[in-house]
C-alpha cells in the first residue's frame, strides 16, 4: 500500500513539474482577486443569514419553551461528551 501511495505522489509531482511556470499576468491576477472577493461576500452573506436563523430559532424556543431549550442544551452536552470520549479513546489506540 505504501508503494502505491509513493507512486501516486511521484506521478503527481512529475505532473506538477510539467506545468507552466510563468507567473500570471496582472490582468488575470486582478480578475482572480475580484472573483475571490465576490465569492467571499457571497459566503459571508450566507453565513450571516444562517447565523441569524439559528439565533432567532434559539431565542424563540427559549422564550416559548424554556424547558425544551434546557433539555436541548443538556442533550448537546451529553452528545459532545460522548464524541470527545470516543475521539480521545481513538487517539490512545493509535499511540
N, C-alpha and C. Protein backbone atom coordinates (compact mmCIF):
# COMPACT_ATOMS: atom_id res chain seq x y z
N UNK A 1 0.82 -1.19 0.00
CA UNK A 1 0.00 0.00 0.00
C UNK A 1 0.87 1.25 0.00
N UNK A 2 1.95 1.18 0.72
CA UNK A 2 2.82 2.34 0.79
C UNK A 2 3.44 2.62 -0.57
N UNK A 3 3.76 1.58 -1.32
CA UNK A 3 4.36 1.76 -2.63
C UNK A 3 3.39 2.45 -3.58
N UNK A 4 2.10 2.10 -3.50
CA UNK A 4 1.10 2.74 -4.35
C UNK A 4 0.99 4.22 -4.01
N UNK A 5 1.03 4.53 -2.74
CA UNK A 5 0.96 5.93 -2.31
C UNK A 5 2.17 6.70 -2.81
N UNK A 6 3.34 6.09 -2.70
CA UNK A 6 4.57 6.74 -3.17
C UNK A 6 4.52 6.95 -4.68
N UNK A 7 4.01 5.97 -5.42
CA UNK A 7 3.91 6.10 -6.87
C UNK A 7 2.95 7.22 -7.26
N UNK A 8 1.82 7.29 -6.58
CA UNK A 8 0.87 8.36 -6.86
C UNK A 8 1.48 9.72 -6.57
N UNK A 9 2.22 9.81 -5.47
CA UNK A 9 2.86 11.07 -5.11
C UNK A 9 3.90 11.46 -6.14
N UNK A 10 4.70 10.52 -6.57
CA UNK A 10 5.73 10.80 -7.58
C UNK A 10 5.09 11.23 -8.89
N UNK A 11 4.03 10.54 -9.32
CA UNK A 11 3.34 10.92 -10.56
C UNK A 11 2.74 12.31 -10.44
N UNK A 12 2.17 12.62 -9.29
CA UNK A 12 1.59 13.94 -9.08
C UNK A 12 2.65 15.03 -9.11
N UNK A 13 3.78 14.76 -8.50
CA UNK A 13 4.87 15.75 -8.51
C UNK A 13 5.45 15.93 -9.91
N UNK A 14 5.53 14.85 -10.67
CA UNK A 14 6.03 14.96 -12.05
C UNK A 14 5.06 15.77 -12.90
N UNK A 15 3.75 15.54 -12.72
CA UNK A 15 2.76 16.32 -13.46
C UNK A 15 2.84 17.79 -13.05
N UNK A 16 3.08 18.04 -11.79
CA UNK A 16 3.22 19.41 -11.30
C UNK A 16 4.44 20.08 -11.92
N UNK A 17 5.53 19.33 -12.09
CA UNK A 17 6.74 19.88 -12.69
C UNK A 17 6.53 20.25 -14.15
N UNK A 18 5.63 19.55 -14.85
CA UNK A 18 5.38 19.84 -16.26
C UNK A 18 4.50 21.06 -16.48
N UNK A 19 3.89 21.56 -15.44
CA UNK A 19 3.01 22.71 -15.58
C UNK A 19 3.80 23.95 -15.99
N UNK A 20 3.07 24.89 -16.56
CA UNK A 20 3.69 26.15 -16.97
C UNK A 20 4.14 26.90 -15.73
N UNK A 21 5.34 27.45 -15.80
CA UNK A 21 5.92 28.06 -14.62
C UNK A 21 5.93 29.59 -14.67
N UNK A 22 5.29 30.17 -15.68
CA UNK A 22 5.28 31.63 -15.76
C UNK A 22 4.22 32.20 -14.82
N UNK A 23 4.53 33.34 -14.21
CA UNK A 23 3.55 33.94 -13.28
C UNK A 23 2.34 34.47 -14.06
N UNK A 24 1.19 34.57 -13.40
CA UNK A 24 0.01 35.08 -14.10
C UNK A 24 0.18 36.55 -14.45
N UNK A 25 -0.52 36.97 -15.49
CA UNK A 25 -0.45 38.37 -15.89
C UNK A 25 -1.17 39.23 -14.86
N UNK A 26 -0.92 40.51 -14.93
CA UNK A 26 -1.52 41.45 -13.98
C UNK A 26 -3.04 41.43 -14.07
N UNK A 27 -3.54 41.36 -15.30
CA UNK A 27 -4.99 41.37 -15.51
C UNK A 27 -5.65 40.11 -14.94
N UNK A 28 -5.04 38.95 -15.19
CA UNK A 28 -5.62 37.73 -14.68
C UNK A 28 -5.52 37.67 -13.15
N UNK A 29 -4.47 38.24 -12.61
CA UNK A 29 -4.32 38.29 -11.16
C UNK A 29 -5.41 39.16 -10.55
N UNK A 30 -5.66 40.32 -11.15
CA UNK A 30 -6.71 41.21 -10.66
C UNK A 30 -8.09 40.55 -10.80
N UNK A 31 -8.30 39.80 -11.90
CA UNK A 31 -9.55 39.09 -12.09
C UNK A 31 -9.73 38.01 -11.02
N UNK A 32 -8.65 37.30 -10.70
CA UNK A 32 -8.72 36.28 -9.65
C UNK A 32 -9.08 36.91 -8.30
N UNK A 33 -8.48 38.06 -8.00
CA UNK A 33 -8.77 38.76 -6.74
C UNK A 33 -10.23 39.18 -6.70
N UNK A 34 -10.74 39.71 -7.81
CA UNK A 34 -12.14 40.14 -7.87
C UNK A 34 -13.08 38.96 -7.67
N UNK A 35 -12.78 37.82 -8.31
CA UNK A 35 -13.62 36.63 -8.15
C UNK A 35 -13.60 36.11 -6.72
N UNK A 36 -12.43 36.13 -6.11
CA UNK A 36 -12.31 35.67 -4.72
C UNK A 36 -13.11 36.57 -3.79
N UNK A 37 -13.02 37.88 -4.00
CA UNK A 37 -13.77 38.82 -3.15
C UNK A 37 -15.28 38.63 -3.31
N UNK A 38 -15.73 38.41 -4.54
CA UNK A 38 -17.16 38.18 -4.77
C UNK A 38 -17.62 36.90 -4.07
N UNK A 39 -16.81 35.85 -4.18
CA UNK A 39 -17.16 34.59 -3.53
C UNK A 39 -17.18 34.74 -2.01
N UNK A 40 -16.21 35.52 -1.47
CA UNK A 40 -16.17 35.73 -0.02
C UNK A 40 -17.38 36.52 0.45
N UNK A 41 -17.81 37.52 -0.33
CA UNK A 41 -19.00 38.28 0.03
C UNK A 41 -20.23 37.39 0.05
N UNK A 42 -20.35 36.53 -0.96
CA UNK A 42 -21.48 35.60 -1.04
C UNK A 42 -21.48 34.65 0.16
N UNK A 43 -20.32 34.09 0.49
CA UNK A 43 -20.21 33.18 1.62
C UNK A 43 -20.51 33.89 2.94
N UNK A 44 -20.08 35.15 3.06
CA UNK A 44 -20.35 35.91 4.27
C UNK A 44 -21.85 36.16 4.44
N UNK A 45 -22.52 36.49 3.35
CA UNK A 45 -23.96 36.72 3.41
C UNK A 45 -24.69 35.44 3.81
N UNK A 46 -24.31 34.31 3.21
CA UNK A 46 -24.93 33.04 3.56
C UNK A 46 -24.68 32.70 5.03
N UNK A 47 -23.45 32.93 5.49
CA UNK A 47 -23.12 32.66 6.89
C UNK A 47 -23.96 33.52 7.83
N UNK A 48 -24.08 34.81 7.52
CA UNK A 48 -24.83 35.71 8.39
C UNK A 48 -26.32 35.33 8.42
N UNK A 49 -26.87 34.95 7.28
CA UNK A 49 -28.27 34.54 7.24
C UNK A 49 -28.47 33.27 8.07
N UNK A 50 -27.56 32.31 7.92
CA UNK A 50 -27.67 31.06 8.69
C UNK A 50 -27.52 31.34 10.18
N UNK A 51 -26.57 32.20 10.56
CA UNK A 51 -26.37 32.52 11.97
C UNK A 51 -27.59 33.24 12.53
N UNK A 52 -28.15 34.16 11.77
CA UNK A 52 -29.35 34.87 12.22
C UNK A 52 -30.52 33.91 12.40
N UNK A 53 -30.66 32.97 11.48
CA UNK A 53 -31.73 31.98 11.58
C UNK A 53 -31.56 31.11 12.83
N UNK A 54 -30.35 30.67 13.08
CA UNK A 54 -30.09 29.83 14.26
C UNK A 54 -30.34 30.61 15.55
N UNK A 55 -29.88 31.85 15.61
CA UNK A 55 -30.09 32.67 16.81
C UNK A 55 -31.57 32.95 17.01
N UNK A 56 -32.29 33.25 15.93
CA UNK A 56 -33.73 33.52 16.03
C UNK A 56 -34.48 32.31 16.55
N UNK A 57 -34.19 31.13 16.01
CA UNK A 57 -34.86 29.92 16.45
C UNK A 57 -34.53 29.65 17.92
N UNK A 58 -33.28 29.85 18.31
CA UNK A 58 -32.88 29.62 19.69
C UNK A 58 -33.62 30.56 20.63
N UNK A 59 -33.73 31.82 20.28
CA UNK A 59 -34.42 32.79 21.13
C UNK A 59 -35.91 32.46 21.21
N UNK A 60 -36.50 32.10 20.07
CA UNK A 60 -37.92 31.75 20.09
C UNK A 60 -38.19 30.53 20.97
N UNK A 61 -37.36 29.52 20.87
CA UNK A 61 -37.54 28.33 21.70
C UNK A 61 -37.32 28.69 23.16
N UNK A 62 -36.32 29.51 23.45
CA UNK A 62 -36.03 29.90 24.83
C UNK A 62 -37.19 30.68 25.43
N UNK A 63 -37.79 31.57 24.65
CA UNK A 63 -38.91 32.37 25.17
C UNK A 63 -40.16 31.52 25.35
N UNK A 64 -40.47 30.69 24.37
CA UNK A 64 -41.72 29.93 24.41
C UNK A 64 -41.64 28.66 25.24
N UNK A 65 -40.52 27.95 25.18
CA UNK A 65 -40.38 26.67 25.88
C UNK A 65 -39.01 26.60 26.55
N UNK A 66 -38.84 27.25 27.69
CA UNK A 66 -37.53 27.21 28.35
C UNK A 66 -37.11 25.80 28.77
N UNK A 67 -38.07 24.93 29.09
CA UNK A 67 -37.74 23.56 29.47
C UNK A 67 -37.18 22.81 28.27
N UNK A 68 -37.79 23.02 27.10
CA UNK A 68 -37.30 22.39 25.88
C UNK A 68 -35.89 22.89 25.54
N UNK A 69 -35.64 24.18 25.74
CA UNK A 69 -34.31 24.73 25.50
C UNK A 69 -33.29 24.10 26.44
N UNK A 70 -33.64 23.99 27.71
CA UNK A 70 -32.72 23.38 28.69
C UNK A 70 -32.46 21.93 28.34
N UNK A 71 -33.50 21.21 27.91
CA UNK A 71 -33.32 19.81 27.51
C UNK A 71 -32.41 19.71 26.30
N UNK A 72 -32.56 20.62 25.35
CA UNK A 72 -31.68 20.63 24.18
C UNK A 72 -30.24 20.89 24.54
N UNK A 73 -30.02 21.82 25.46
CA UNK A 73 -28.66 22.12 25.91
C UNK A 73 -28.05 20.92 26.63
N UNK A 74 -28.84 20.26 27.45
CA UNK A 74 -28.36 19.08 28.15
C UNK A 74 -28.03 17.96 27.18
N UNK A 75 -28.90 17.77 26.20
CA UNK A 75 -28.65 16.75 25.17
C UNK A 75 -27.36 17.06 24.41
N UNK A 76 -27.15 18.33 24.08
CA UNK A 76 -25.92 18.74 23.39
C UNK A 76 -24.69 18.41 24.23
N UNK A 77 -24.74 18.72 25.51
CA UNK A 77 -23.60 18.44 26.38
C UNK A 77 -23.31 16.95 26.46
N UNK A 78 -24.36 16.13 26.55
CA UNK A 78 -24.17 14.68 26.62
C UNK A 78 -23.54 14.17 25.32
N UNK A 79 -24.08 14.60 24.18
CA UNK A 79 -23.54 14.16 22.89
C UNK A 79 -22.10 14.64 22.71
N UNK A 80 -21.82 15.88 23.08
CA UNK A 80 -20.46 16.40 22.96
C UNK A 80 -19.50 15.60 23.85
N UNK A 81 -19.94 15.24 25.05
CA UNK A 81 -19.10 14.44 25.93
C UNK A 81 -18.81 13.07 25.34
N UNK A 82 -19.82 12.45 24.75
CA UNK A 82 -19.62 11.13 24.13
C UNK A 82 -18.65 11.24 22.96
N UNK A 83 -18.82 12.25 22.14
CA UNK A 83 -17.94 12.43 20.98
C UNK A 83 -16.51 12.64 21.43
N UNK A 84 -16.31 13.49 22.43
CA UNK A 84 -14.95 13.73 22.94
C UNK A 84 -14.34 12.46 23.52
N UNK A 85 -15.14 11.68 24.24
CA UNK A 85 -14.63 10.43 24.81
C UNK A 85 -14.21 9.45 23.72
N UNK A 86 -15.03 9.33 22.68
CA UNK A 86 -14.71 8.40 21.59
C UNK A 86 -13.46 8.86 20.86
N UNK A 87 -13.36 10.14 20.58
CA UNK A 87 -12.16 10.65 19.89
C UNK A 87 -10.91 10.45 20.73
N UNK A 88 -11.03 10.68 22.03
CA UNK A 88 -9.88 10.52 22.92
C UNK A 88 -9.44 9.05 22.96
N UNK A 89 -10.40 8.14 23.00
CA UNK A 89 -10.04 6.73 23.03
C UNK A 89 -9.41 6.29 21.71
N UNK A 90 -9.85 6.85 20.60
CA UNK A 90 -9.24 6.52 19.31
C UNK A 90 -7.80 7.02 19.21
N UNK A 91 -7.55 8.20 19.78
CA UNK A 91 -6.19 8.75 19.77
C UNK A 91 -5.28 7.85 20.60
N UNK A 92 -5.77 7.36 21.73
CA UNK A 92 -4.95 6.49 22.57
C UNK A 92 -4.66 5.17 21.87
N UNK A 93 -5.59 4.68 21.06
CA UNK A 93 -5.38 3.43 20.35
C UNK A 93 -4.28 3.58 19.28
N UNK A 94 -4.17 4.74 18.69
CA UNK A 94 -3.19 4.96 17.62
C UNK A 94 -1.80 5.22 18.16
N UNK A 95 -1.69 5.50 19.43
CA UNK A 95 -0.36 5.80 20.00
C UNK A 95 0.42 4.57 20.31
